[in-house]
N, C-alpha and C. Protein backbone atom coordinates (compact mmCIF):
# COMPACT_ATOMS: atom_id res chain seq x y z
N MET A 1 0.85 -1.16 0.00
CA MET A 1 0.00 0.00 0.00
C MET A 1 0.90 1.23 0.00
N THR A 2 0.72 2.11 -0.94
CA THR A 2 1.55 3.29 -1.08
C THR A 2 1.06 4.41 -0.16
N CYS A 3 1.98 5.00 0.60
CA CYS A 3 1.65 6.09 1.51
C CYS A 3 1.32 7.35 0.71
N ALA A 4 0.23 7.99 1.04
CA ALA A 4 -0.18 9.22 0.35
C ALA A 4 0.76 10.37 0.67
N SER A 5 1.44 10.33 1.81
CA SER A 5 2.32 11.44 2.21
C SER A 5 3.70 11.34 1.60
N CYS A 6 4.37 10.19 1.76
CA CYS A 6 5.76 10.09 1.32
C CYS A 6 5.96 9.14 0.14
N LYS A 7 4.89 8.50 -0.32
CA LYS A 7 4.90 7.58 -1.47
C LYS A 7 5.68 6.30 -1.21
N PHE A 8 5.95 5.96 0.06
CA PHE A 8 6.65 4.73 0.40
C PHE A 8 5.72 3.55 0.16
N ASP A 9 6.24 2.45 -0.39
CA ASP A 9 5.43 1.26 -0.67
C ASP A 9 5.44 0.36 0.57
N ASN A 10 4.34 0.34 1.31
CA ASN A 10 4.22 -0.42 2.54
C ASN A 10 3.59 -1.79 2.27
N PRO A 11 3.80 -2.75 3.17
CA PRO A 11 3.11 -4.04 3.05
C PRO A 11 1.60 -3.82 3.14
N SER A 12 0.83 -4.68 2.52
CA SER A 12 -0.62 -4.49 2.46
C SER A 12 -1.27 -4.53 3.83
N ALA A 13 -0.67 -5.20 4.81
CA ALA A 13 -1.26 -5.29 6.14
C ALA A 13 -0.91 -4.09 7.02
N ALA A 14 -0.05 -3.20 6.57
CA ALA A 14 0.39 -2.07 7.39
C ALA A 14 -0.76 -1.10 7.64
N ARG A 15 -0.86 -0.62 8.88
CA ARG A 15 -1.85 0.39 9.23
C ARG A 15 -1.23 1.77 9.26
N PHE A 16 0.09 1.83 9.41
CA PHE A 16 0.83 3.08 9.41
C PHE A 16 2.01 2.94 8.47
N CYS A 17 2.40 4.03 7.83
CA CYS A 17 3.52 4.01 6.90
C CYS A 17 4.80 3.68 7.67
N GLU A 18 5.56 2.73 7.16
CA GLU A 18 6.80 2.32 7.81
C GLU A 18 7.92 3.33 7.60
N GLN A 19 7.73 4.29 6.72
CA GLN A 19 8.75 5.29 6.44
C GLN A 19 8.50 6.58 7.22
N CYS A 20 7.25 7.09 7.22
CA CYS A 20 6.99 8.39 7.86
C CYS A 20 5.99 8.32 9.00
N GLY A 21 5.33 7.19 9.21
CA GLY A 21 4.41 7.03 10.34
C GLY A 21 2.99 7.50 10.10
N THR A 22 2.67 7.96 8.89
CA THR A 22 1.32 8.44 8.58
C THR A 22 0.34 7.27 8.60
N ALA A 23 -0.84 7.52 9.16
CA ALA A 23 -1.88 6.49 9.19
C ALA A 23 -2.30 6.17 7.77
N LEU A 24 -2.40 4.89 7.45
CA LEU A 24 -2.80 4.44 6.12
C LEU A 24 -4.28 4.08 6.17
N GLU A 25 -5.12 5.07 6.00
CA GLU A 25 -6.56 4.83 6.02
C GLU A 25 -7.08 4.69 4.60
N LEU A 26 -7.98 3.75 4.43
CA LEU A 26 -8.66 3.60 3.16
C LEU A 26 -10.03 4.24 3.28
N LYS A 27 -10.48 4.89 2.23
CA LYS A 27 -11.80 5.52 2.22
C LYS A 27 -12.61 4.93 1.07
N CYS A 28 -13.89 4.77 1.33
CA CYS A 28 -14.82 4.33 0.29
C CYS A 28 -14.95 5.45 -0.74
N PRO A 29 -14.79 5.14 -2.04
CA PRO A 29 -14.91 6.18 -3.05
C PRO A 29 -16.34 6.74 -3.18
N ARG A 30 -17.34 5.99 -2.73
CA ARG A 30 -18.72 6.46 -2.85
C ARG A 30 -19.13 7.34 -1.67
N CYS A 31 -18.88 6.88 -0.42
CA CYS A 31 -19.40 7.61 0.75
C CYS A 31 -18.30 8.18 1.65
N SER A 32 -17.05 7.91 1.35
CA SER A 32 -15.89 8.40 2.11
C SER A 32 -15.78 7.84 3.52
N ALA A 33 -16.48 6.74 3.80
CA ALA A 33 -16.36 6.10 5.10
C ALA A 33 -15.00 5.40 5.18
N THR A 34 -14.45 5.32 6.39
CA THR A 34 -13.20 4.60 6.60
C THR A 34 -13.45 3.12 6.40
N VAL A 35 -12.56 2.47 5.66
CA VAL A 35 -12.70 1.07 5.31
C VAL A 35 -11.49 0.30 5.83
N SER A 36 -11.72 -0.88 6.38
CA SER A 36 -10.62 -1.70 6.87
C SER A 36 -9.75 -2.19 5.73
N THR A 37 -8.46 -2.33 6.01
CA THR A 37 -7.55 -2.86 5.02
C THR A 37 -7.99 -4.26 4.62
N GLY A 38 -8.08 -4.53 3.34
CA GLY A 38 -8.48 -5.83 2.84
C GLY A 38 -9.98 -6.00 2.64
N ALA A 39 -10.77 -5.00 3.06
CA ALA A 39 -12.22 -5.09 2.89
C ALA A 39 -12.57 -5.07 1.41
N ARG A 40 -13.57 -5.86 1.02
CA ARG A 40 -14.00 -5.88 -0.38
C ARG A 40 -15.25 -5.05 -0.60
N PHE A 41 -15.97 -4.77 0.51
CA PHE A 41 -17.18 -3.95 0.43
C PHE A 41 -17.16 -2.93 1.56
N CYS A 42 -17.72 -1.77 1.31
CA CYS A 42 -17.83 -0.72 2.32
C CYS A 42 -18.87 -1.13 3.36
N GLY A 43 -18.53 -1.02 4.63
CA GLY A 43 -19.45 -1.37 5.70
C GLY A 43 -20.54 -0.33 5.89
N ALA A 44 -20.37 0.87 5.35
CA ALA A 44 -21.37 1.93 5.52
C ALA A 44 -22.40 1.95 4.40
N CYS A 45 -21.95 1.76 3.15
CA CYS A 45 -22.91 1.87 2.04
C CYS A 45 -22.99 0.61 1.18
N GLY A 46 -22.14 -0.38 1.43
CA GLY A 46 -22.19 -1.62 0.67
C GLY A 46 -21.51 -1.57 -0.68
N ASN A 47 -20.86 -0.46 -1.00
CA ASN A 47 -20.16 -0.32 -2.28
C ASN A 47 -19.06 -1.37 -2.40
N GLN A 48 -18.99 -2.02 -3.58
CA GLN A 48 -17.93 -2.98 -3.81
C GLN A 48 -16.62 -2.22 -3.99
N LEU A 49 -15.63 -2.54 -3.16
CA LEU A 49 -14.36 -1.82 -3.17
C LEU A 49 -13.34 -2.45 -4.08
N ALA A 50 -13.34 -3.77 -4.14
CA ALA A 50 -12.33 -4.43 -4.96
C ALA A 50 -12.88 -5.76 -5.44
N THR A 51 -12.38 -6.16 -6.57
CA THR A 51 -12.68 -7.48 -7.10
C THR A 51 -11.34 -8.20 -7.15
N PRO A 52 -11.32 -9.49 -7.41
CA PRO A 52 -10.04 -10.18 -7.49
C PRO A 52 -9.09 -9.54 -8.50
N ASP A 53 -9.62 -8.90 -9.54
CA ASP A 53 -8.77 -8.28 -10.55
C ASP A 53 -8.48 -6.81 -10.29
N ALA A 54 -9.27 -6.17 -9.40
CA ALA A 54 -9.10 -4.73 -9.17
C ALA A 54 -8.38 -4.48 -7.85
N PRO A 55 -7.55 -3.45 -7.82
CA PRO A 55 -6.84 -3.14 -6.57
C PRO A 55 -7.77 -2.48 -5.56
N HIS A 56 -7.35 -2.52 -4.31
CA HIS A 56 -8.07 -1.81 -3.26
C HIS A 56 -7.88 -0.32 -3.46
N PRO A 57 -8.81 0.50 -2.94
CA PRO A 57 -8.65 1.95 -3.09
C PRO A 57 -7.40 2.44 -2.38
N GLU A 58 -6.84 3.54 -2.88
CA GLU A 58 -5.64 4.12 -2.30
C GLU A 58 -5.98 4.81 -0.99
N PRO A 59 -4.97 5.01 -0.11
CA PRO A 59 -5.23 5.72 1.14
C PRO A 59 -5.77 7.11 0.86
N SER A 60 -6.63 7.57 1.76
CA SER A 60 -7.24 8.89 1.59
C SER A 60 -6.23 9.99 1.85
N SER A 61 -6.40 11.09 1.14
CA SER A 61 -5.56 12.25 1.40
C SER A 61 -6.33 13.25 2.26
N ALA A 62 -7.40 12.78 2.89
CA ALA A 62 -8.18 13.64 3.76
C ALA A 62 -7.35 14.00 4.99
N LYS A 63 -7.94 14.87 5.83
CA LYS A 63 -7.22 15.32 7.01
C LYS A 63 -6.76 14.12 7.84
N PRO A 64 -5.47 14.14 8.30
CA PRO A 64 -5.00 13.05 9.14
C PRO A 64 -5.66 13.10 10.52
N ARG A 65 -5.77 11.93 11.15
CA ARG A 65 -6.30 11.89 12.50
C ARG A 65 -5.30 12.53 13.45
N ALA A 66 -5.75 12.90 14.63
CA ALA A 66 -4.90 13.58 15.59
C ALA A 66 -3.68 12.75 15.96
N THR A 67 -3.79 11.42 15.94
CA THR A 67 -2.67 10.58 16.35
C THR A 67 -1.75 10.24 15.19
N SER A 68 -2.11 10.58 13.96
CA SER A 68 -1.25 10.26 12.84
C SER A 68 -0.13 11.28 12.73
N VAL A 69 0.91 10.93 11.98
CA VAL A 69 2.08 11.78 11.82
C VAL A 69 2.14 12.25 10.39
N ARG A 70 2.15 13.56 10.20
CA ARG A 70 2.28 14.11 8.86
C ARG A 70 3.73 13.94 8.40
N ALA A 71 3.93 13.78 7.10
CA ALA A 71 5.28 13.61 6.57
C ALA A 71 6.13 14.83 6.82
N ASP A 72 5.52 16.02 6.82
CA ASP A 72 6.30 17.23 7.03
C ASP A 72 6.39 17.63 8.50
N ALA A 73 5.96 16.76 9.40
CA ALA A 73 5.97 17.10 10.82
C ALA A 73 7.38 17.30 11.36
N PHE A 74 8.37 16.69 10.74
CA PHE A 74 9.74 16.78 11.23
C PHE A 74 10.52 17.91 10.56
N VAL A 75 9.96 18.52 9.55
CA VAL A 75 10.72 19.46 8.74
C VAL A 75 10.68 20.86 9.34
N PRO A 76 11.78 21.28 9.99
CA PRO A 76 11.81 22.64 10.50
C PRO A 76 12.04 23.62 9.35
N GLU A 77 11.60 24.84 9.53
CA GLU A 77 11.76 25.83 8.47
C GLU A 77 13.21 26.30 8.40
N VAL A 78 13.62 26.66 7.18
CA VAL A 78 14.95 27.21 6.99
C VAL A 78 14.93 28.62 7.55
N PRO A 79 15.92 28.99 8.37
CA PRO A 79 15.95 30.34 8.92
C PRO A 79 15.96 31.39 7.81
N GLY A 80 15.30 32.52 8.05
CA GLY A 80 15.17 33.57 7.04
C GLY A 80 16.47 34.03 6.44
N HIS A 81 17.50 34.26 7.30
CA HIS A 81 18.78 34.75 6.77
C HIS A 81 19.42 33.74 5.83
N LEU A 82 19.26 32.46 6.13
CA LEU A 82 19.84 31.43 5.28
C LEU A 82 19.05 31.30 3.98
N ALA A 83 17.73 31.40 4.05
CA ALA A 83 16.90 31.34 2.84
C ALA A 83 17.25 32.48 1.89
N GLU A 84 17.42 33.69 2.45
CA GLU A 84 17.79 34.84 1.62
C GLU A 84 19.14 34.62 0.93
N LYS A 85 20.10 34.07 1.68
CA LYS A 85 21.43 33.83 1.12
C LYS A 85 21.36 32.82 -0.03
N ILE A 86 20.58 31.78 0.16
CA ILE A 86 20.44 30.74 -0.87
C ILE A 86 19.77 31.33 -2.11
N LEU A 87 18.68 32.05 -1.91
CA LEU A 87 17.94 32.59 -3.04
C LEU A 87 18.69 33.70 -3.76
N SER A 88 19.46 34.51 -3.05
CA SER A 88 20.20 35.60 -3.70
C SER A 88 21.30 35.06 -4.60
N GLY A 89 21.89 33.93 -4.26
CA GLY A 89 22.96 33.36 -5.06
C GLY A 89 22.48 32.32 -6.06
N ARG A 90 21.19 32.15 -6.18
CA ARG A 90 20.63 31.09 -7.01
C ARG A 90 21.04 31.23 -8.48
N ALA A 91 20.95 32.44 -9.04
CA ALA A 91 21.29 32.63 -10.45
C ALA A 91 22.75 32.29 -10.71
N ALA A 92 23.61 32.63 -9.77
CA ALA A 92 25.04 32.35 -9.93
C ALA A 92 25.33 30.86 -9.81
N LEU A 93 24.49 30.13 -9.11
CA LEU A 93 24.75 28.71 -8.87
C LEU A 93 24.22 27.80 -9.97
N GLU A 94 23.28 28.28 -10.77
CA GLU A 94 22.69 27.41 -11.78
C GLU A 94 23.75 26.99 -12.79
N GLY A 95 23.88 25.69 -12.96
CA GLY A 95 24.85 25.16 -13.91
C GLY A 95 26.28 25.18 -13.42
N GLU A 96 26.51 25.55 -12.19
CA GLU A 96 27.86 25.65 -11.65
C GLU A 96 28.20 24.40 -10.84
N ARG A 97 29.40 23.90 -11.03
CA ARG A 97 29.85 22.76 -10.24
C ARG A 97 30.52 23.27 -8.99
N ARG A 98 30.22 22.63 -7.89
CA ARG A 98 30.81 23.02 -6.61
C ARG A 98 31.12 21.78 -5.80
N GLN A 99 32.11 21.90 -4.96
CA GLN A 99 32.37 20.84 -4.00
C GLN A 99 31.46 21.08 -2.80
N VAL A 100 30.86 20.02 -2.33
CA VAL A 100 29.99 20.12 -1.17
C VAL A 100 30.38 19.06 -0.15
N THR A 101 30.00 19.32 1.07
CA THR A 101 30.12 18.32 2.11
C THR A 101 28.73 17.77 2.36
N VAL A 102 28.61 16.45 2.36
CA VAL A 102 27.32 15.80 2.59
C VAL A 102 27.38 15.12 3.95
N LEU A 103 26.39 15.40 4.76
CA LEU A 103 26.30 14.80 6.09
C LEU A 103 25.08 13.89 6.14
N PHE A 104 25.31 12.63 6.45
CA PHE A 104 24.22 11.68 6.66
C PHE A 104 24.16 11.37 8.14
N GLY A 105 22.96 11.25 8.67
CA GLY A 105 22.82 10.89 10.08
C GLY A 105 21.56 10.11 10.31
N ASP A 106 21.58 9.30 11.36
CA ASP A 106 20.37 8.61 11.78
C ASP A 106 20.46 8.33 13.26
N ILE A 107 19.35 7.93 13.84
CA ILE A 107 19.27 7.67 15.27
C ILE A 107 19.74 6.24 15.53
N ALA A 108 20.75 6.12 16.39
CA ALA A 108 21.28 4.80 16.72
C ALA A 108 20.23 3.97 17.47
N ASN A 109 20.15 2.70 17.14
CA ASN A 109 19.23 1.75 17.78
C ASN A 109 17.77 2.15 17.65
N TYR A 110 17.43 2.81 16.55
CA TYR A 110 16.06 3.29 16.34
C TYR A 110 15.05 2.14 16.30
N THR A 111 15.39 1.06 15.61
CA THR A 111 14.45 -0.05 15.48
C THR A 111 14.12 -0.65 16.85
N ALA A 112 15.14 -0.89 17.65
CA ALA A 112 14.90 -1.45 18.98
C ALA A 112 14.09 -0.48 19.84
N LEU A 113 14.41 0.80 19.73
CA LEU A 113 13.69 1.82 20.47
C LEU A 113 12.22 1.87 20.06
N SER A 114 11.97 1.83 18.76
CA SER A 114 10.59 1.93 18.28
C SER A 114 9.76 0.69 18.61
N GLU A 115 10.42 -0.44 18.80
CA GLU A 115 9.69 -1.65 19.18
C GLU A 115 9.25 -1.63 20.64
N LYS A 116 10.00 -0.90 21.48
CA LYS A 116 9.72 -0.89 22.91
C LYS A 116 8.79 0.24 23.34
N LEU A 117 8.80 1.35 22.61
CA LEU A 117 8.05 2.53 23.03
C LEU A 117 6.76 2.71 22.24
N ASP A 118 5.87 3.49 22.79
CA ASP A 118 4.63 3.88 22.13
C ASP A 118 4.97 4.71 20.90
N PRO A 119 4.27 4.54 19.77
CA PRO A 119 4.58 5.29 18.56
C PRO A 119 4.59 6.81 18.76
N GLU A 120 3.70 7.32 19.61
CA GLU A 120 3.68 8.77 19.84
C GLU A 120 4.94 9.22 20.57
N GLU A 121 5.46 8.40 21.47
CA GLU A 121 6.69 8.74 22.18
C GLU A 121 7.88 8.69 21.21
N VAL A 122 7.90 7.70 20.33
CA VAL A 122 8.96 7.62 19.32
C VAL A 122 8.91 8.86 18.43
N HIS A 123 7.71 9.27 18.04
CA HIS A 123 7.54 10.48 17.23
C HIS A 123 8.15 11.69 17.93
N ARG A 124 7.85 11.84 19.23
CA ARG A 124 8.38 12.99 19.98
C ARG A 124 9.90 12.96 20.03
N ILE A 125 10.48 11.78 20.22
CA ILE A 125 11.94 11.65 20.29
C ILE A 125 12.56 12.01 18.95
N VAL A 126 12.02 11.45 17.87
CA VAL A 126 12.57 11.73 16.54
C VAL A 126 12.41 13.20 16.19
N GLN A 127 11.25 13.78 16.49
CA GLN A 127 11.03 15.19 16.20
C GLN A 127 12.03 16.06 16.95
N ARG A 128 12.27 15.78 18.22
CA ARG A 128 13.21 16.57 19.01
C ARG A 128 14.64 16.41 18.46
N CYS A 129 15.01 15.20 18.09
CA CYS A 129 16.34 14.98 17.50
C CYS A 129 16.50 15.80 16.23
N PHE A 130 15.48 15.78 15.36
CA PHE A 130 15.56 16.54 14.12
C PHE A 130 15.61 18.05 14.38
N GLU A 131 14.90 18.51 15.42
CA GLU A 131 14.96 19.94 15.75
C GLU A 131 16.37 20.34 16.16
N LEU A 132 17.00 19.53 17.01
CA LEU A 132 18.36 19.84 17.48
C LEU A 132 19.37 19.78 16.34
N VAL A 133 19.28 18.73 15.53
CA VAL A 133 20.21 18.58 14.41
C VAL A 133 20.02 19.71 13.40
N SER A 134 18.78 20.05 13.11
CA SER A 134 18.50 21.11 12.14
C SER A 134 19.07 22.45 12.59
N ALA A 135 18.93 22.75 13.86
CA ALA A 135 19.46 24.01 14.39
C ALA A 135 20.97 24.08 14.18
N GLU A 136 21.67 22.98 14.42
CA GLU A 136 23.13 22.98 14.24
C GLU A 136 23.52 23.05 12.76
N ILE A 137 22.79 22.34 11.93
CA ILE A 137 23.07 22.39 10.49
C ILE A 137 22.87 23.80 9.96
N HIS A 138 21.79 24.44 10.36
CA HIS A 138 21.52 25.81 9.92
C HIS A 138 22.53 26.80 10.50
N ARG A 139 23.02 26.54 11.71
CA ARG A 139 24.02 27.42 12.33
C ARG A 139 25.29 27.47 11.49
N PHE A 140 25.62 26.35 10.85
CA PHE A 140 26.80 26.29 10.00
C PHE A 140 26.45 26.50 8.52
N GLU A 141 25.27 27.08 8.27
CA GLU A 141 24.79 27.44 6.94
C GLU A 141 24.64 26.24 6.00
N GLY A 142 24.28 25.12 6.58
CA GLY A 142 23.95 23.95 5.78
C GLY A 142 22.46 23.90 5.53
N THR A 143 22.05 23.03 4.63
CA THR A 143 20.63 22.83 4.37
C THR A 143 20.32 21.35 4.47
N ILE A 144 19.15 21.06 4.98
CA ILE A 144 18.72 19.66 5.06
C ILE A 144 18.09 19.31 3.73
N ASN A 145 18.68 18.35 3.05
CA ASN A 145 18.21 17.95 1.74
C ASN A 145 17.02 17.01 1.84
N GLN A 146 17.06 16.09 2.82
CA GLN A 146 15.93 15.18 2.97
C GLN A 146 15.93 14.52 4.34
N TYR A 147 14.71 14.19 4.77
CA TYR A 147 14.50 13.38 5.95
C TYR A 147 13.95 12.05 5.48
N GLY A 148 14.28 10.98 6.17
CA GLY A 148 13.73 9.68 5.83
C GLY A 148 13.70 8.80 7.06
N GLY A 149 12.52 8.53 7.58
CA GLY A 149 12.40 7.68 8.76
C GLY A 149 13.10 8.32 9.94
N ASP A 150 14.20 7.72 10.38
CA ASP A 150 14.96 8.26 11.51
C ASP A 150 16.26 8.93 11.05
N GLY A 151 16.39 9.17 9.76
CA GLY A 151 17.64 9.74 9.24
C GLY A 151 17.44 11.00 8.45
N PHE A 152 18.57 11.60 8.07
CA PHE A 152 18.53 12.83 7.29
C PHE A 152 19.78 12.92 6.42
N MET A 153 19.73 13.84 5.47
CA MET A 153 20.88 14.15 4.63
C MET A 153 20.97 15.68 4.55
N ALA A 154 22.14 16.21 4.85
CA ALA A 154 22.34 17.66 4.83
C ALA A 154 23.50 17.99 3.90
N LEU A 155 23.41 19.17 3.29
CA LEU A 155 24.46 19.64 2.39
C LEU A 155 25.05 20.93 2.93
N PHE A 156 26.37 21.05 2.83
CA PHE A 156 27.08 22.26 3.22
C PHE A 156 27.89 22.75 2.04
């Protein structure tokens, strides 16, 4: 099942995205009722959801539930002074080759940690780690290129 937020391909039995933690809810295309994973008919209106030859409906892009995690929940904003510096030099950088330093990082023992703790607690830990790391990366005028699960990639 493909996550609507980060496009990660999850196992069909997954209820939450294994990459970003977003709830994988299915919605009936006729009445928009929440449908259980693997259901062939909507429990609210009886609409046939899938046949042996047809795929199940994709996860809804409707508002996430309060307990779900948005894909952009970990992404802190680039500080204004750094954004201005990047945008002001943009024309000069197009087509230019430069040497960069790439920093990869992830949370040690994340899998073991996530198996022992409540998902909301894991979310808080990961979010706080990303906030601290982002502040330091921005302090040295780096930019975070991407977040993925418990890791990140930054460019300087």
